[in-house]
């Protein structure tokens, strides 16, 4: 039985071209998120990392979530 794909690269190209990303590739790319800036939430004292939606106002972001922002006045 002959393989219809002459090399792994052509098979990978076909898979990625369809929009499907294999889990082993996702895991290999996960290390890029380690270099994101972080802050400490003053309410829950947990570290939270930069997110794309905070790109324009990262300096003004103080709380990790809406829940912590609401709880700031209680504590």
C-alpha atoms as a PDB file:
ATOM      1  CA  UNK A   1       0.000   0.000   0.000  1.00  0.00           C
ATOM      2  CA  UNK A   2       1.537   3.286  -1.046  1.00  0.00           C
ATOM      3  CA  UNK A   3       1.198   6.479   0.889  1.00  0.00           C
ATOM      4  CA  UNK A   4      -0.672   9.194  -0.970  1.00  0.00           C
ATOM      5  CA  UNK A   5       1.476  11.869   0.717  1.00  0.00           C
ATOM      6  CA  UNK A   6       5.130  11.838  -0.339  1.00  0.00           C
ATOM      7  CA  UNK A   7       6.299  13.637   2.782  1.00  0.00           C
ATOM      8  CA  UNK A   8       5.051  14.810   6.141  1.00  0.00           C
ATOM      9  CA  UNK A   9       5.280  18.470   5.111  1.00  0.00           C
ATOM     10  CA  UNK A  10       2.754  18.074   2.316  1.00  0.00           C
ATOM     11  CA  UNK A  11       0.357  16.265   4.680  1.00  0.00           C
ATOM     12  CA  UNK A  12       0.792  18.994   7.289  1.00  0.00           C
ATOM     13  CA  UNK A  13       0.158  21.670   4.663  1.00  0.00           C
ATOM     14  CA  UNK A  14      -3.059  19.952   3.653  1.00  0.00           C
ATOM     15  CA  UNK A  15      -4.226  19.691   7.267  1.00  0.00           C
ATOM     16  CA  UNK A  16      -3.405  23.323   8.087  1.00  0.00           C
ATOM     17  CA  UNK A  17      -4.933  24.543   4.850  1.00  0.00           C
ATOM     18  CA  UNK A  18      -8.280  23.140   5.950  1.00  0.00           C
ATOM     19  CA  UNK A  19      -8.269  25.223   9.160  1.00  0.00           C
ATOM     20  CA  UNK A  20      -7.588  22.259  11.455  1.00  0.00           C
ATOM     21  CA  UNK A  21      -4.583  22.635  13.770  1.00  0.00           C
ATOM     22  CA  UNK A  22      -3.362  19.414  15.381  1.00  0.00           C
ATOM     23  CA  UNK A  23      -2.976  19.375  19.156  1.00  0.00           C
ATOM     24  CA  UNK A  24       0.786  18.781  19.011  1.00  0.00           C
ATOM     25  CA  UNK A  25       1.211  22.002  17.033  1.00  0.00           C
ATOM     26  CA  UNK A  26      -0.966  23.960  19.481  1.00  0.00           C
ATOM     27  CA  UNK A  27       1.128  22.649  22.367  1.00  0.00           C
ATOM     28  CA  UNK A  28       4.340  23.559  20.571  1.00  0.00           C
ATOM     29  CA  UNK A  29       3.120  27.127  20.067  1.00  0.00           C
ATOM     30  CA  UNK A  30       1.921  27.557  23.652  1.00  0.00           C
ATOM     31  CA  UNK A  31       5.346  28.704  24.851  1.00  0.00           C
ATOM     32  CA  UNK A  32       4.911  32.059  23.099  1.00  0.00           C
ATOM     33  CA  UNK A  33       2.430  33.178  25.767  1.00  0.00           C
ATOM     34  CA  UNK A  34       5.037  33.012  28.518  1.00  0.00           C
ATOM     35  CA  UNK A  35       6.458  36.416  27.596  1.00  0.00           C
ATOM     36  CA  UNK A  36       3.291  38.472  28.104  1.00  0.00           C
ATOM     37  CA  UNK A  37       3.363  41.267  30.704  1.00  0.00           C
ATOM     38  CA  UNK A  38       1.571  40.585  33.972  1.00  0.00           C
ATOM     39  CA  UNK A  39      -0.054  42.562  36.780  1.00  0.00           C
ATOM     40  CA  UNK A  40      -1.364  41.660  40.226  1.00  0.00           C
ATOM     41  CA  UNK A  41      -5.067  42.191  40.875  1.00  0.00           C
ATOM     42  CA  UNK A  42      -5.446  44.276  44.079  1.00  0.00           C
ATOM     43  CA  UNK A  43      -8.683  42.477  45.043  1.00  0.00           C
ATOM     44  CA  UNK A  44      -7.898  38.774  44.613  1.00  0.00           C
ATOM     45  CA  UNK A  45      -4.080  39.155  44.621  1.00  0.00           C
ATOM     46  CA  UNK A  46      -3.723  36.868  41.606  1.00  0.00           C
ATOM     47  CA  UNK A  47      -1.460  37.528  38.665  1.00  0.00           C
ATOM     48  CA  UNK A  48      -3.162  38.172  35.348  1.00  0.00           C
ATOM     49  CA  UNK A  49      -1.563  38.484  31.937  1.00  0.00           C
ATOM     50  CA  UNK A  50      -1.977  40.940  29.087  1.00  0.00           C
ATOM     51  CA  UNK A  51      -4.898  40.246  26.758  1.00  0.00           C
ATOM     52  CA  UNK A  52      -5.523  41.466  23.235  1.00  0.00           C
ATOM     53  CA  UNK A  53      -8.676  43.339  24.284  1.00  0.00           C
ATOM     54  CA  UNK A  54      -6.568  45.400  26.738  1.00  0.00           C
ATOM     55  CA  UNK A  55      -4.029  46.342  24.064  1.00  0.00           C
ATOM     56  CA  UNK A  56      -4.956  50.039  23.889  1.00  0.00           C
ATOM     57  CA  UNK A  57      -5.449  50.668  27.618  1.00  0.00           C
ATOM     58  CA  UNK A  58      -3.134  48.160  29.374  1.00  0.00           C
ATOM     59  CA  UNK A  59      -1.774  50.940  31.609  1.00  0.00           C
ATOM     60  CA  UNK A  60      -5.288  51.671  32.922  1.00  0.00           C
ATOM     61  CA  UNK A  61      -6.228  48.032  33.601  1.00  0.00           C
ATOM     62  CA  UNK A  62      -6.230  47.371  37.359  1.00  0.00           C
ATOM     63  CA  UNK A  63      -8.473  44.357  37.887  1.00  0.00           C
ATOM     64  CA  UNK A  64      -8.354  40.865  36.415  1.00  0.00           C
ATOM     65  CA  UNK A  65     -12.106  40.600  35.867  1.00  0.00           C
ATOM     66  CA  UNK A  66     -15.414  42.417  36.061  1.00  0.00           C
ATOM     67  CA  UNK A  67     -16.130  40.517  39.266  1.00  0.00           C
ATOM     68  CA  UNK A  68     -13.021  41.935  40.963  1.00  0.00           C
ATOM     69  CA  UNK A  69     -13.814  45.421  39.652  1.00  0.00           C
ATOM     70  CA  UNK A  70     -17.249  45.206  41.295  1.00  0.00           C
ATOM     71  CA  UNK A  71     -15.816  43.843  44.541  1.00  0.00           C
ATOM     72  CA  UNK A  72     -13.281  46.687  44.889  1.00  0.00           C
ATOM     73  CA  UNK A  73     -15.778  48.925  46.662  1.00  0.00           C
ATOM     74  CA  UNK A  74     -16.897  46.177  49.049  1.00  0.00           C
ATOM     75  CA  UNK A  75     -13.452  45.430  50.443  1.00  0.00           C
END
